[in-house]
Amino acid sequence: MKSISILGIYVADLAFFGKSIPVAGETVLGENYVIGPGGKGSNQAVASAKAGGKTYFISKIGDDQFGSMARKIYEEAGVDYSKVIISSEHSTGAAGILVDQQSGKNAINVVPGAAGALTKDDINQAADVIKNSQVFLTQLEAPKEVVFHALKIAKENNVITVLNPAPAASIDKEIFPLIDYFTPNETEASFYVNHKVEDEEDAKKASEQLLQLGIKNIIITLGEKGAFFTNDTESFHVPVINLNNPVVDTTGAGDAFNGGFAVALTENERHNIKDSIKFASATAGLSTTKIGTANSMPSRDEIDKLL
């Protein structure tokens, strides 16, 4: 089976659910809270494995209770975590998530913890996994110099690279040509093009600007408005897939999309790019019908049934 290597961070998610997300200076009484595994890279690894991908996760966690939670979910999901360093010097990271129960929208504050201490040497120790993957997926939660170093290793070995630029942050110009697929959401895309991206027309304009940076393929996710794809030869919009159950929590939907997309890329003899985005969209959509992040990632059987 073709493999997927994913570099990113693991944090414990502390999610608080209420009727609204408080603004600065406001206190609201919540309805419920959940503690579970999170971190964009970790969520994407779980999504990828549950969607049927042979998935390796590269990260660093603490030797503590939250770190034990990480190992447990990797074992349950089938993620190979042999390249996850367990550090006695750092605590596992955590994220505070405020969720509006009415809309499912959220606001997040992330403390990377051990994963924020990842180094280039740590990546070199995992280089064999990256080199032998068909797809390498990463984000911008880990230290940027570490992310860029890993992208270079992947590209030098003809591995398909996917950068999910979350959270949005400046990227060195020489890095853009190393990216085969760039997958921002509307907020992140806005950061890179300096104008609002809210609909299909905005996404088309933004994609054309991003192509000029040397990125080969751009997929801008637009939440309930679907996703927009552009490369040098074609561009198209992919609407969201109709779900059988209501949306209850959008936290982690972008991670589900990226994990599902990585799996579809490894099965490219079965999927063209539009089919790959549909597969990713189905993975993301299903994740919103359950509360939680990593725990909400759908199985391959659920994805295939929806498609």
C-alpha atoms as a PDB file:
ATOM      1  CA  MET A   1       0.000   0.000   0.000  1.00  0.00           C
ATOM      2  CA  LYS A   2       1.262   3.500  -0.861  1.00  0.00           C
ATOM      3  CA  SER A   3       2.011   5.494   2.277  1.00  0.00           C
ATOM      4  CA  ILE A   4       1.308   8.998   3.555  1.00  0.00           C
ATOM      5  CA  SER A   5       3.648  10.850   5.920  1.00  0.00           C
ATOM      6  CA  ILE A   6       2.197  13.707   7.948  1.00  0.00           C
ATOM      7  CA  LEU A   7       4.213  16.222   9.961  1.00  0.00           C
ATOM      8  CA  GLY A   8       2.386  18.307  12.530  1.00  0.00           C
ATOM      9  CA  ILE A   9       1.514  18.811  16.147  1.00  0.00           C
ATOM     10  CA  TYR A  10      -0.589  16.950  18.642  1.00  0.00           C
ATOM     11  CA  VAL A  11      -2.404  18.867  21.364  1.00  0.00           C
ATOM     12  CA  ALA A  12      -5.138  17.869  23.770  1.00  0.00           C
ATOM     13  CA  ASP A  13      -8.380  19.621  22.807  1.00  0.00           C
ATOM     14  CA  LEU A  14     -10.434  21.163  25.607  1.00  0.00           C
ATOM     15  CA  ALA A  15     -13.706  22.065  23.887  1.00  0.00           C
ATOM     16  CA  PHE A  16     -16.362  24.187  25.588  1.00  0.00           C
ATOM     17  CA  PHE A  17     -19.893  24.289  24.115  1.00  0.00           C
ATOM     18  CA  GLY A  18     -22.364  27.123  24.666  1.00  0.00           C
ATOM     19  CA  LYS A  19     -25.111  29.192  23.076  1.00  0.00           C
ATOM     20  CA  SER A  20     -22.552  31.742  21.872  1.00  0.00           C
ATOM     21  CA  ILE A  21     -18.815  32.403  21.729  1.00  0.00           C
ATOM     22  CA  PRO A  22     -17.950  35.120  24.283  1.00  0.00           C
ATOM     23  CA  VAL A  23     -16.403  38.375  23.089  1.00  0.00           C
ATOM     24  CA  ALA A  24     -13.576  40.080  24.999  1.00  0.00           C
ATOM     25  CA  GLY A  25     -14.639  40.846  28.573  1.00  0.00           C
ATOM     26  CA  GLU A  26     -17.763  38.682  28.416  1.00  0.00           C
ATOM     27  CA  THR A  27     -18.524  35.567  30.480  1.00  0.00           C
ATOM     28  CA  VAL A  28     -21.101  33.050  29.258  1.00  0.00           C
ATOM     29  CA  LEU A  29     -22.416  29.905  30.914  1.00  0.00           C
ATOM     30  CA  GLY A  30     -21.604  26.847  28.830  1.00  0.00           C
ATOM     31  CA  GLU A  31     -23.679  23.734  28.227  1.00  0.00           C
ATOM     32  CA  ASN A  32     -20.979  21.050  28.093  1.00  0.00           C
ATOM     33  CA  TYR A  33     -17.250  20.429  27.706  1.00  0.00           C
ATOM     34  CA  VAL A  34     -15.191  17.635  26.135  1.00  0.00           C
ATOM     35  CA  ILE A  35     -11.497  16.739  26.459  1.00  0.00           C
ATOM     36  CA  GLY A  36     -10.061  14.857  23.495  1.00  0.00           C
ATOM     37  CA  PRO A  37      -7.134  14.535  21.074  1.00  0.00           C
ATOM     38  CA  GLY A  38      -6.406  17.357  18.622  1.00  0.00           C
ATOM     39  CA  GLY A  39      -3.784  19.365  16.738  1.00  0.00           C
ATOM     40  CA  LYS A  40      -4.111  19.836  12.980  1.00  0.00           C
ATOM     41  CA  GLY A  41      -1.382  17.388  11.962  1.00  0.00           C
ATOM     42  CA  SER A  42      -2.557  14.777  14.432  1.00  0.00           C
ATOM     43  CA  ASN A  43      -6.184  15.170  13.345  1.00  0.00           C
ATOM     44  CA  GLN A  44      -5.132  14.845   9.709  1.00  0.00           C
ATOM     45  CA  ALA A  45      -3.169  11.682  10.482  1.00  0.00           C
ATOM     46  CA  VAL A  46      -6.176  10.128  12.220  1.00  0.00           C
ATOM     47  CA  ALA A  47      -8.466  11.192   9.349  1.00  0.00           C
ATOM     48  CA  SER A  48      -6.055   9.712   6.812  1.00  0.00           C
ATOM     49  CA  ALA A  49      -5.703   6.393   8.633  1.00  0.00           C
ATOM     50  CA  LYS A  50      -9.445   6.008   9.241  1.00  0.00           C
ATOM     51  CA  ALA A  51     -10.106   6.844   5.573  1.00  0.00           C
ATOM     52  CA  GLY A  52      -7.915   3.902   4.573  1.00  0.00           C
ATOM     53  CA  GLY A  53      -4.447   5.420   4.168  1.00  0.00           C
ATOM     54  CA  LYS A  54      -1.214   3.803   5.400  1.00  0.00           C
ATOM     55  CA  THR A  55      -0.288   6.765   7.571  1.00  0.00           C
ATOM     56  CA  TYR A  56       2.881   7.765   9.426  1.00  0.00           C
ATOM     57  CA  PHE A  57       2.744  10.700  11.848  1.00  0.00           C
ATOM     58  CA  ILE A  58       5.854  12.767  12.659  1.00  0.00           C
ATOM     59  CA  SER A  59       5.683  14.883  15.821  1.00  0.00           C
ATOM     60  CA  LYS A  60       6.776  15.297  19.441  1.00  0.00           C
ATOM     61  CA  ILE A  61       4.660  14.804  22.573  1.00  0.00           C
ATOM     62  CA  GLY A  62       5.275  14.852  26.314  1.00  0.00           C
ATOM     63  CA  ASP A  63       5.540  11.825  28.577  1.00  0.00           C
ATOM     64  CA  ASP A  64       2.316  12.736  30.370  1.00  0.00           C
ATOM     65  CA  GLN A  65      -1.436  12.119  30.514  1.00  0.00           C
ATOM     66  CA  PHE A  66      -2.197  14.082  27.346  1.00  0.00           C
ATOM     67  CA  GLY A  67       0.596  12.225  25.528  1.00  0.00           C
ATOM     68  CA  SER A  68      -0.925   8.900  26.579  1.00  0.00           C
ATOM     69  CA  MET A  69      -4.218  10.083  25.076  1.00  0.00           C
ATOM     70  CA  ALA A  70      -2.407  10.637  21.765  1.00  0.00           C
ATOM     71  CA  ARG A  71      -0.868   7.177  21.670  1.00  0.00           C
ATOM     72  CA  LYS A  72      -4.216   5.575  22.466  1.00  0.00           C
ATOM     73  CA  ILE A  73      -6.043   7.210  19.563  1.00  0.00           C
ATOM     74  CA  TYR A  74      -3.218   6.417  17.114  1.00  0.00           C
ATOM     75  CA  GLU A  75      -3.471   2.767  18.090  1.00  0.00           C
ATOM     76  CA  GLU A  76      -7.253   2.836  17.687  1.00  0.00           C
ATOM     77  CA  ALA A  77      -7.129   4.634  14.313  1.00  0.00           C
ATOM     78  CA  GLY A  78      -4.207   2.650  12.897  1.00  0.00           C
ATOM     79  CA  VAL A  79      -1.711   5.538  12.687  1.00  0.00           C
ATOM     80  CA  ASP A  80       1.971   4.494  12.712  1.00  0.00           C
ATOM     81  CA  TYR A  81       3.487   6.752  15.398  1.00  0.00           C
ATOM     82  CA  SER A  82       6.994   5.264  15.446  1.00  0.00           C
ATOM     83  CA  LYS A  83       8.313   8.707  14.411  1.00  0.00           C
ATOM     84  CA  VAL A  84       6.508  10.548  17.220  1.00  0.00           C
ATOM     85  CA  ILE A  85       9.179  11.528  19.762  1.00  0.00           C
ATOM     86  CA  ILE A  86       8.174  11.187  23.413  1.00  0.00           C
ATOM     87  CA  SER A  87       9.975  13.973  25.283  1.00  0.00           C
ATOM     88  CA  SER A  88      10.692  13.995  29.008  1.00  0.00           C
ATOM     89  CA  GLU A  89      11.632  17.694  28.785  1.00  0.00           C
ATOM     90  CA  HIS A  90       8.387  19.123  27.403  1.00  0.00           C
ATOM     91  CA  SER A  91       4.694  18.906  28.210  1.00  0.00           C
ATOM     92  CA  THR A  92       2.203  17.844  25.567  1.00  0.00           C
ATOM     93  CA  GLY A  93       0.420  20.834  24.038  1.00  0.00           C
ATOM     94  CA  ALA A  94      -3.205  21.826  24.548  1.00  0.00           C
ATOM     95  CA  ALA A  95      -5.891  23.832  22.721  1.00  0.00           C
ATOM     96  CA  GLY A  96      -8.846  25.730  24.163  1.00  0.00           C
ATOM     97  CA  ILE A  97     -11.833  25.574  21.781  1.00  0.00           C
ATOM     98  CA  LEU A  98     -14.995  27.651  22.196  1.00  0.00           C
ATOM     99  CA  VAL A  99     -17.909  26.254  20.174  1.00  0.00           C
ATOM    100  CA  ASP A 100     -21.222  27.951  19.342  1.00  0.00           C
ATOM    101  CA  GLN A 101     -23.784  25.146  19.648  1.00  0.00           C
ATOM    102  CA  GLN A 102     -26.259  26.899  17.353  1.00  0.00           C
ATOM    103  CA  SER A 103     -23.984  27.178  14.304  1.00  0.00           C
ATOM    104  CA  GLY A 104     -21.126  24.818  15.116  1.00  0.00           C
ATOM    105  CA  LYS A 105     -18.656  27.684  14.544  1.00  0.00           C
ATOM    106  CA  ASN A 106     -15.607  27.916  16.778  1.00  0.00           C
ATOM    107  CA  ALA A 107     -12.647  29.966  18.028  1.00  0.00           C
ATOM    108  CA  ILE A 108      -9.388  28.249  19.042  1.00  0.00           C
ATOM    109  CA  ASN A 109      -6.275  29.104  21.099  1.00  0.00           C
ATOM    110  CA  VAL A 110      -3.405  26.605  20.656  1.00  0.00           C
ATOM    111  CA  VAL A 111      -0.332  26.081  22.883  1.00  0.00           C
ATOM    112  CA  PRO A 112       1.949  23.711  20.885  1.00  0.00           C
ATOM    113  CA  GLY A 113       3.959  22.424  23.869  1.00  0.00           C
ATOM    114  CA  ALA A 114       6.353  19.582  22.973  1.00  0.00           C
ATOM    115  CA  ALA A 115       5.534  19.778  19.255  1.00  0.00           C
ATOM    116  CA  GLY A 116       6.678  23.401  19.264  1.00  0.00           C
ATOM    117  CA  ALA A 117      10.135  22.092  20.194  1.00  0.00           C
ATOM    118  CA  LEU A 118      10.513  19.995  17.026  1.00  0.00           C
ATOM    119  CA  THR A 119      13.898  20.510  15.317  1.00  0.00           C
ATOM    120  CA  LYS A 120      15.449  19.841  11.910  1.00  0.00           C
ATOM    121  CA  ASP A 121      17.416  16.993  13.512  1.00  0.00           C
ATOM    122  CA  ASP A 122      14.122  15.430  14.587  1.00  0.00           C
ATOM    123  CA  ILE A 123      12.972  15.583  10.957  1.00  0.00           C
ATOM    124  CA  ASN A 124      16.230  14.039   9.738  1.00  0.00           C
ATOM    125  CA  GLN A 125      15.518  11.067  12.011  1.00  0.00           C
ATOM    126  CA  ALA A 126      12.189  10.622  10.206  1.00  0.00           C
ATOM    127  CA  ALA A 127      13.562  11.306   6.719  1.00  0.00           C
ATOM    128  CA  ASP A 128      13.281   7.668   5.607  1.00  0.00           C
ATOM    129  CA  VAL A 129       9.518   7.731   6.195  1.00  0.00           C
ATOM    130  CA  ILE A 130       9.140  10.985   4.228  1.00  0.00           C
ATOM    131  CA  LYS A 131      11.322   9.778   1.329  1.00  0.00           C
ATOM    132  CA  ASN A 132       9.390   6.531   0.943  1.00  0.00           C
ATOM    133  CA  SER A 133       5.916   8.119   1.033  1.00  0.00           C
ATOM    134  CA  GLN A 134       3.797   8.843  -1.991  1.00  0.00           C
ATOM    135  CA  VAL A 135       2.268  11.891  -0.272  1.00  0.00           C
ATOM    136  CA  PHE A 136       3.712  14.242   2.363  1.00  0.00           C
ATOM    137  CA  LEU A 137       1.212  16.497   4.176  1.00  0.00           C
ATOM    138  CA  THR A 138       2.005  19.258   6.646  1.00  0.00           C
ATOM    139  CA  GLN A 139       0.663  22.511   8.126  1.00  0.00           C
ATOM    140  CA  LEU A 140       2.120  25.604   9.832  1.00  0.00           C
ATOM    141  CA  GLU A 141       1.507  24.757  13.508  1.00  0.00           C
ATOM    142  CA  ALA A 142       4.967  23.179  13.911  1.00  0.00           C
ATOM    143  CA  PRO A 143       8.025  25.504  13.771  1.00  0.00           C
ATOM    144  CA  LYS A 144       8.214  26.907  10.232  1.00  0.00           C
ATOM    145  CA  GLU A 145      11.893  26.098   9.703  1.00  0.00           C
ATOM    146  CA  VAL A 146      11.095  22.468  10.521  1.00  0.00           C
ATOM    147  CA  VAL A 147       8.124  22.399   8.136  1.00  0.00           C
ATOM    148  CA  PHE A 148      10.151  23.918   5.292  1.00  0.00           C
ATOM    149  CA  HIS A 149      13.051  21.488   5.907  1.00  0.00           C
ATOM    150  CA  ALA A 150      10.642  18.547   5.648  1.00  0.00           C
ATOM    151  CA  LEU A 151       9.068  19.928   2.458  1.00  0.00           C
ATOM    152  CA  LYS A 152      12.534  20.128   0.887  1.00  0.00           C
ATOM    153  CA  ILE A 153      13.273  16.491   1.796  1.00  0.00           C
ATOM    154  CA  ALA A 154       9.955  15.401   0.292  1.00  0.00           C
ATOM    155  CA  LYS A 155      10.412  17.351  -2.931  1.00  0.00           C
ATOM    156  CA  GLU A 156      14.020  16.166  -3.408  1.00  0.00           C
ATOM    157  CA  ASN A 157      12.641  12.621  -3.351  1.00  0.00           C
ATOM    158  CA  ASN A 158       9.740  13.242  -5.759  1.00  0.00           C
ATOM    159  CA  VAL A 159       7.101  12.881  -3.055  1.00  0.00           C
ATOM    160  CA  ILE A 160       3.772  14.665  -3.690  1.00  0.00           C
ATOM    161  CA  THR A 161       3.622  17.580  -1.227  1.00  0.00           C
ATOM    162  CA  VAL A 162       0.514  19.095   0.346  1.00  0.00           C
ATOM    163  CA  LEU A 163       0.753  22.219   2.507  1.00  0.00           C
ATOM    164  CA  ASN A 164      -2.292  23.176   4.533  1.00  0.00           C
ATOM    165  CA  PRO A 165      -1.242  26.729   5.566  1.00  0.00           C
ATOM    166  CA  ALA A 166      -2.926  26.702   8.955  1.00  0.00           C
ATOM    167  CA  PRO A 167      -2.551  28.883  10.858  1.00  0.00           C
ATOM    168  CA  ALA A 168      -1.747  31.360   8.086  1.00  0.00           C
ATOM    169  CA  ALA A 169       1.805  32.687   8.384  1.00  0.00           C
ATOM    170  CA  SER A 170       4.434  34.176   6.092  1.00  0.00           C
ATOM    171  CA  ILE A 171       6.148  31.683   3.788  1.00  0.00           C
ATOM    172  CA  ASP A 172       9.564  32.195   2.189  1.00  0.00           C
ATOM    173  CA  LYS A 173       9.273  32.710  -1.585  1.00  0.00           C
ATOM    174  CA  GLU A 174      11.565  29.785  -2.359  1.00  0.00           C
ATOM    175  CA  ILE A 175       9.184  27.427  -0.524  1.00  0.00           C
ATOM    176  CA  PHE A 176       6.147  27.984  -2.763  1.00  0.00           C
ATOM    177  CA  PRO A 177       7.558  26.012  -5.757  1.00  0.00           C
ATOM    178  CA  LEU A 178       8.045  23.016  -3.426  1.00  0.00           C
ATOM    179  CA  ILE A 179       4.274  22.821  -2.875  1.00  0.00           C
ATOM    180  CA  ASP A 180       2.260  20.561  -5.176  1.00  0.00           C
ATOM    181  CA  TYR A 181      -1.080  21.222  -3.454  1.00  0.00           C
ATOM    182  CA  PHE A 182      -1.848  24.312  -1.345  1.00  0.00           C
ATOM    183  CA  THR A 183      -5.055  23.927   0.701  1.00  0.00           C
ATOM    184  CA  PRO A 184      -6.030  27.105   2.585  1.00  0.00           C
ATOM    185  CA  ASN A 185      -9.514  27.819   3.861  1.00  0.00           C
ATOM    186  CA  GLU A 186     -11.115  31.172   3.041  1.00  0.00           C
ATOM    187  CA  THR A 187      -9.511  32.965   6.018  1.00  0.00           C
ATOM    188  CA  GLU A 188      -6.043  31.626   5.248  1.00  0.00           C
ATOM    189  CA  ALA A 189      -6.384  32.393   1.539  1.00  0.00           C
ATOM    190  CA  SER A 190      -7.326  35.982   2.427  1.00  0.00           C
ATOM    191  CA  PHE A 191      -4.063  36.301   4.369  1.00  0.00           C
ATOM    192  CA  TYR A 192      -1.944  35.403   1.321  1.00  0.00           C
ATOM    193  CA  VAL A 193      -3.758  37.549  -1.253  1.00  0.00           C
ATOM    194  CA  ASN A 194      -4.658  40.581   0.896  1.00  0.00           C
ATOM    195  CA  HIS A 195      -8.357  40.607   0.049  1.00  0.00           C
ATOM    196  CA  LYS A 196     -11.442  38.874   1.385  1.00  0.00           C
ATOM    197  CA  VAL A 197     -12.218  35.383   0.135  1.00  0.00           C
ATOM    198  CA  GLU A 198     -15.855  34.590   0.858  1.00  0.00           C
ATOM    199  CA  ASP A 199     -17.309  32.957  -2.246  1.00  0.00           C
ATOM    200  CA  GLU A 200     -16.462  31.153  -5.474  1.00  0.00           C
ATOM    201  CA  GLU A 201     -15.641  34.361  -7.375  1.00  0.00           C
ATOM    202  CA  ASP A 202     -13.263  35.540  -4.630  1.00  0.00           C
ATOM    203  CA  ALA A 203     -11.647  32.091  -4.548  1.00  0.00           C
ATOM    204  CA  LYS A 204     -11.073  32.134  -8.315  1.00  0.00           C
ATOM    205  CA  LYS A 205      -9.340  35.507  -8.106  1.00  0.00           C
ATOM    206  CA  ALA A 206      -7.256  34.416  -5.108  1.00  0.00           C
ATOM    207  CA  SER A 207      -6.258  31.151  -6.790  1.00  0.00           C
ATOM    208  CA  GLU A 208      -4.943  32.988  -9.840  1.00  0.00           C
ATOM    209  CA  GLN A 209      -2.806  35.170  -7.547  1.00  0.00           C
ATOM    210  CA  LEU A 210      -1.472  32.132  -5.676  1.00  0.00           C
ATOM    211  CA  LEU A 211      -0.516  30.360  -8.913  1.00  0.00           C
ATOM    212  CA  GLN A 212       1.831  33.247  -9.656  1.00  0.00           C
ATOM    213  CA  LEU A 213       3.845  32.336  -6.539  1.00  0.00           C
ATOM    214  CA  GLY A 214       4.890  29.044  -8.139  1.00  0.00           C
ATOM    215  CA  ILE A 215       2.400  26.732  -6.419  1.00  0.00           C
ATOM    216  CA  LYS A 216       1.220  24.016  -8.812  1.00  0.00           C
ATOM    217  CA  ASN A 217      -2.327  23.339  -7.573  1.00  0.00           C
ATOM    218  CA  ILE A 218      -4.565  25.368  -5.255  1.00  0.00           C
ATOM    219  CA  ILE A 219      -7.639  24.127  -3.398  1.00  0.00           C
ATOM    220  CA  ILE A 220      -9.433  26.813  -1.387  1.00  0.00           C
ATOM    221  CA  THR A 221     -12.001  25.329   0.984  1.00  0.00           C
ATOM    222  CA  LEU A 222     -15.083  27.490   1.516  1.00  0.00           C
ATOM    223  CA  GLY A 223     -16.911  25.689   4.320  1.00  0.00           C
ATOM    224  CA  GLU A 224     -20.544  25.082   3.426  1.00  0.00           C
ATOM    225  CA  LYS A 225     -19.886  26.713   0.017  1.00  0.00           C
ATOM    226  CA  GLY A 226     -17.650  23.843  -1.097  1.00  0.00           C
ATOM    227  CA  ALA A 227     -14.129  24.066  -2.508  1.00  0.00           C
ATOM    228  CA  PHE A 228     -12.471  25.760  -5.481  1.00  0.00           C
ATOM    229  CA  PHE A 229      -9.613  24.169  -7.456  1.00  0.00           C
ATOM    230  CA  THR A 230      -7.162  25.869  -9.808  1.00  0.00           C
ATOM    231  CA  ASN A 231      -3.992  24.924 -11.670  1.00  0.00           C
ATOM    232  CA  ASP A 232      -2.398  26.057 -14.938  1.00  0.00           C
ATOM    233  CA  THR A 233      -4.813  24.086 -17.085  1.00  0.00           C
ATOM    234  CA  GLU A 234      -8.187  24.013 -15.329  1.00  0.00           C
ATOM    235  CA  SER A 235     -10.285  25.489 -12.551  1.00  0.00           C
ATOM    236  CA  PHE A 236     -13.604  24.375 -11.103  1.00  0.00           C
ATOM    237  CA  HIS A 237     -15.887  24.518  -8.071  1.00  0.00           C
ATOM    238  CA  VAL A 238     -16.847  21.402  -6.095  1.00  0.00           C
ATOM    239  CA  PRO A 239     -20.037  21.812  -4.007  1.00  0.00           C
ATOM    240  CA  VAL A 240     -20.402  20.192  -0.599  1.00  0.00           C
ATOM    241  CA  ILE A 241     -21.962  16.749  -0.449  1.00  0.00           C
ATOM    242  CA  ASN A 242     -25.467  16.490   1.010  1.00  0.00           C
ATOM    243  CA  LEU A 243     -25.319  14.882   4.438  1.00  0.00           C
ATOM    244  CA  ASN A 244     -27.871  12.571   6.011  1.00  0.00           C
ATOM    245  CA  ASN A 245     -27.321  14.053   9.491  1.00  0.00           C
ATOM    246  CA  PRO A 246     -27.209  17.670  10.778  1.00  0.00           C
ATOM    247  CA  VAL A 247     -23.971  19.599  11.317  1.00  0.00           C
ATOM    248  CA  VAL A 248     -23.167  19.748  15.044  1.00  0.00           C
ATOM    249  CA  ASP A 249     -19.461  20.720  15.214  1.00  0.00           C
ATOM    250  CA  THR A 250     -17.252  22.071  12.421  1.00  0.00           C
ATOM    251  CA  THR A 251     -14.052  21.828  14.498  1.00  0.00           C
ATOM    252  CA  GLY A 252     -11.594  19.635  12.610  1.00  0.00           C
ATOM    253  CA  ALA A 253     -13.486  19.680   9.301  1.00  0.00           C
ATOM    254  CA  GLY A 254     -10.511  21.211   7.501  1.00  0.00           C
ATOM    255  CA  ASP A 255      -8.263  18.524   8.971  1.00  0.00           C
ATOM    256  CA  ALA A 256     -10.684  15.835   7.803  1.00  0.00           C
ATOM    257  CA  PHE A 257     -10.608  17.368   4.316  1.00  0.00           C
ATOM    258  CA  ASN A 258      -6.811  17.321   4.154  1.00  0.00           C
ATOM    259  CA  GLY A 259      -6.478  13.811   5.551  1.00  0.00           C
ATOM    260  CA  GLY A 260      -9.090  12.514   3.132  1.00  0.00           C
ATOM    261  CA  PHE A 261      -7.465  14.353   0.231  1.00  0.00           C
ATOM    262  CA  ALA A 262      -4.070  12.770   0.993  1.00  0.00           C
ATOM    263  CA  VAL A 263      -5.668   9.316   0.877  1.00  0.00           C
ATOM    264  CA  ALA A 264      -7.370  10.082  -2.445  1.00  0.00           C
ATOM    265  CA  LEU A 265      -4.022  11.192  -3.919  1.00  0.00           C
ATOM    266  CA  THR A 266      -2.496   7.799  -3.104  1.00  0.00           C
ATOM    267  CA  GLU A 267      -5.371   6.187  -4.997  1.00  0.00           C
ATOM    268  CA  ASN A 268      -5.019   8.440  -8.034  1.00  0.00           C
ATOM    269  CA  GLU A 269      -5.403   5.523 -10.418  1.00  0.00           C
ATOM    270  CA  ARG A 270      -9.022   5.479  -9.158  1.00  0.00           C
ATOM    271  CA  HIS A 271      -9.593   9.224  -8.695  1.00  0.00           C
ATOM    272  CA  ASN A 272      -9.072  12.250 -10.935  1.00  0.00           C
ATOM    273  CA  ILE A 273      -8.510  15.533  -9.087  1.00  0.00           C
ATOM    274  CA  LYS A 274     -12.232  16.331  -8.954  1.00  0.00           C
ATOM    275  CA  ASP A 275     -12.971  12.895  -7.492  1.00  0.00           C
ATOM    276  CA  SER A 276     -10.160  13.388  -4.962  1.00  0.00           C
ATOM    277  CA  ILE A 277     -11.720  16.657  -3.810  1.00  0.00           C
ATOM    278  CA  LYS A 278     -15.149  14.995  -3.584  1.00  0.00           C
ATOM    279  CA  PHE A 279     -13.618  12.253  -1.420  1.00  0.00           C
ATOM    280  CA  ALA A 280     -12.020  14.924   0.792  1.00  0.00           C
ATOM    281  CA  SER A 281     -15.301  16.841   0.955  1.00  0.00           C
ATOM    282  CA  ALA A 282     -17.174  13.709   2.023  1.00  0.00           C
ATOM    283  CA  THR A 283     -14.592  13.067   4.744  1.00  0.00           C
ATOM    284  CA  ALA A 284     -14.940  16.654   5.980  1.00  0.00           C
ATOM    285  CA  GLY A 285     -18.727  16.673   5.819  1.00  0.00           C
ATOM    286  CA  LEU A 286     -19.088  13.480   7.818  1.00  0.00           C
ATOM    287  CA  SER A 287     -16.733  14.819  10.500  1.00  0.00           C
ATOM    288  CA  THR A 288     -19.113  17.731  11.172  1.00  0.00           C
ATOM    289  CA  THR A 289     -21.967  15.395  12.115  1.00  0.00           C
ATOM    290  CA  LYS A 290     -20.211  14.304  15.332  1.00  0.00           C
ATOM    291  CA  ILE A 291     -18.851  16.279  18.290  1.00  0.00           C
ATOM    292  CA  GLY A 292     -15.064  16.391  18.607  1.00  0.00           C
ATOM    293  CA  THR A 293     -12.064  16.530  16.293  1.00  0.00           C
ATOM    294  CA  ALA A 294      -9.990  13.349  15.969  1.00  0.00           C
ATOM    295  CA  ASN A 295     -12.861  11.331  17.431  1.00  0.00           C
ATOM    296  CA  SER A 296     -15.222  12.620  14.744  1.00  0.00           C
ATOM    297  CA  MET A 297     -13.169  11.437  11.753  1.00  0.00           C
ATOM    298  CA  PRO A 298     -15.221   9.028   9.614  1.00  0.00           C
ATOM    299  CA  SER A 299     -14.318   5.472   8.644  1.00  0.00           C
ATOM    300  CA  ARG A 300     -13.654   4.460   5.041  1.00  0.00           C
ATOM    301  CA  ASP A 301     -16.932   2.578   5.023  1.00  0.00           C
ATOM    302  CA  GLU A 302     -18.848   5.731   6.040  1.00  0.00           C
ATOM    303  CA  ILE A 303     -17.111   7.760   3.308  1.00  0.00           C
ATOM    304  CA  ASP A 304     -17.777   5.189   0.588  1.00  0.00           C
ATOM    305  CA  LYS A 305     -21.449   4.947   1.594  1.00  0.00           C
ATOM    306  CA  LEU A 306     -21.888   8.733   1.340  1.00  0.00           C
ATOM    307  CA  LEU A 307     -20.235   8.814  -2.080  1.00  0.00           C
END
